[in-house]
Protein backbone atom coordinates (compact mmCIF):
# COMPACT_ATOMS: atom_id res chain seq x y z
CA UNK A 1 42.41 -21.21 36.11
CA UNK A 2 44.61 -22.07 32.96
CA UNK A 3 44.93 -25.61 35.23
CA UNK A 4 41.44 -25.99 33.67
CA UNK A 5 42.03 -24.80 30.69
CA UNK A 6 44.87 -27.04 30.15
CA UNK A 7 43.10 -30.23 32.00
CA UNK A 8 39.63 -29.90 29.73
CA UNK A 9 41.41 -28.81 26.46
CA UNK A 10 44.18 -31.53 27.02
CA UNK A 11 41.13 -34.18 27.41
CA UNK A 12 39.48 -33.10 24.09
CA UNK A 13 42.69 -33.93 22.72
CA UNK A 14 42.85 -37.08 23.80
CA UNK A 15 39.30 -37.41 22.81
CA UNK A 16 40.34 -36.48 18.81
CA UNK A 17 43.98 -38.29 18.50
CA UNK A 18 44.13 -40.95 20.99
CA UNK A 19 47.53 -39.91 21.80
CA UNK A 20 48.04 -38.77 25.32
CA UNK A 21 48.48 -35.43 25.48
CA UNK A 22 51.41 -35.02 27.77
CA UNK A 23 53.44 -38.20 26.19
CA UNK A 24 56.95 -37.16 24.93
CA UNK A 25 58.24 -39.76 23.12
CA UNK A 26 59.77 -39.61 20.01
CA UNK A 27 58.40 -40.65 17.18
CA UNK A 28 58.87 -41.31 13.50
CA UNK A 29 57.03 -40.19 10.92
CA UNK A 30 57.36 -39.86 7.57
CA UNK A 31 56.72 -36.68 5.27
CA UNK A 32 52.96 -38.02 4.58
CA UNK A 33 51.99 -38.48 8.58
CA UNK A 34 53.90 -35.15 9.36
CA UNK A 35 52.21 -32.98 7.94
CA UNK A 36 48.55 -34.75 8.68
CA UNK A 37 49.93 -33.78 12.11
CA UNK A 38 50.36 -30.09 11.11
CA UNK A 39 47.59 -29.40 9.52
CA UNK A 40 44.53 -31.64 12.05
CA UNK A 41 46.14 -30.15 15.00
CA UNK A 42 45.94 -26.54 13.56
CA UNK A 43 41.97 -26.85 12.64
CA UNK A 44 41.64 -28.76 16.40
CA UNK A 45 42.85 -25.42 18.07
CA UNK A 46 40.75 -23.69 15.59
CA UNK A 47 38.29 -25.68 16.50
CA UNK A 48 38.60 -24.24 20.67
CA UNK A 49 38.71 -20.81 19.12
CA UNK A 50 36.05 -18.94 21.83
CA UNK A 51 34.78 -16.48 19.60
CA UNK A 52 31.67 -15.06 21.82
CA UNK A 53 31.99 -13.98 26.02
CA UNK A 54 35.10 -12.50 24.62
CA UNK A 55 34.00 -9.94 28.21
CA UNK A 56 33.79 -12.90 30.65
CA UNK A 57 38.03 -13.77 32.33
CA UNK A 58 37.62 -17.62 31.56
CA UNK A 59 37.33 -17.32 28.20
CA UNK A 60 39.23 -14.63 27.12
CA UNK A 61 41.88 -17.03 29.11
CA UNK A 62 40.47 -19.83 26.41
CA UNK A 63 41.26 -17.07 23.98
CA UNK A 64 44.82 -16.42 24.96
CA UNK A 65 45.74 -20.62 25.70
CA UNK A 66 44.80 -21.69 21.28
CA UNK A 67 46.19 -18.79 19.98
CA UNK A 68 49.16 -19.63 21.96
CA UNK A 69 49.02 -23.24 21.15
CA UNK A 70 48.21 -22.08 17.56
CA UNK A 71 51.01 -19.08 17.70
CA UNK A 72 53.15 -23.13 18.39
CA UNK A 73 51.99 -25.28 15.69
CA UNK A 74 53.11 -22.54 13.89
CA UNK A 75 56.51 -22.02 14.33
CA UNK A 76 57.24 -25.54 14.30
CA UNK A 77 55.69 -25.48 10.60
CA UNK A 78 57.74 -21.91 9.35
CA UNK A 79 60.17 -24.08 10.52
CA UNK A 80 59.61 -26.67 6.95
CA UNK A 81 60.63 -26.34 3.75
CA UNK A 82 58.43 -23.60 2.02
CA UNK A 83 56.62 -26.63 -0.09
CA UNK A 84 56.58 -28.31 2.73
CA UNK A 85 54.66 -26.39 5.18
CA UNK A 86 52.44 -24.21 2.22
CA UNK A 87 50.60 -27.84 1.50
CA UNK A 88 50.45 -28.30 5.49
CA UNK A 89 48.39 -25.21 6.11
CA UNK A 90 46.71 -25.11 2.35
CA UNK A 91 44.68 -28.44 4.48
CA UNK A 92 44.16 -26.52 7.38
CA UNK A 93 41.89 -24.12 5.51
């Protein structure tokens, strides 16, 4: 089940960002580019949050997966200084 959801969301990630979801190479981004990347990632996760069928096992698994992605992205954002963090979170609304 996890593999199905993982493959589905990685495929969506590639479609949306034109970047291999498995790419782990180190890249350098400007302040603004990194802020946009975090904001776009939060929007991506929220777009894929299931909101119905929560009694279905697959939907619940996807909910867990997506919420984990949101938590991971937020933990990265929360490590930033307050001004930068707030500017990113404001773009997510």
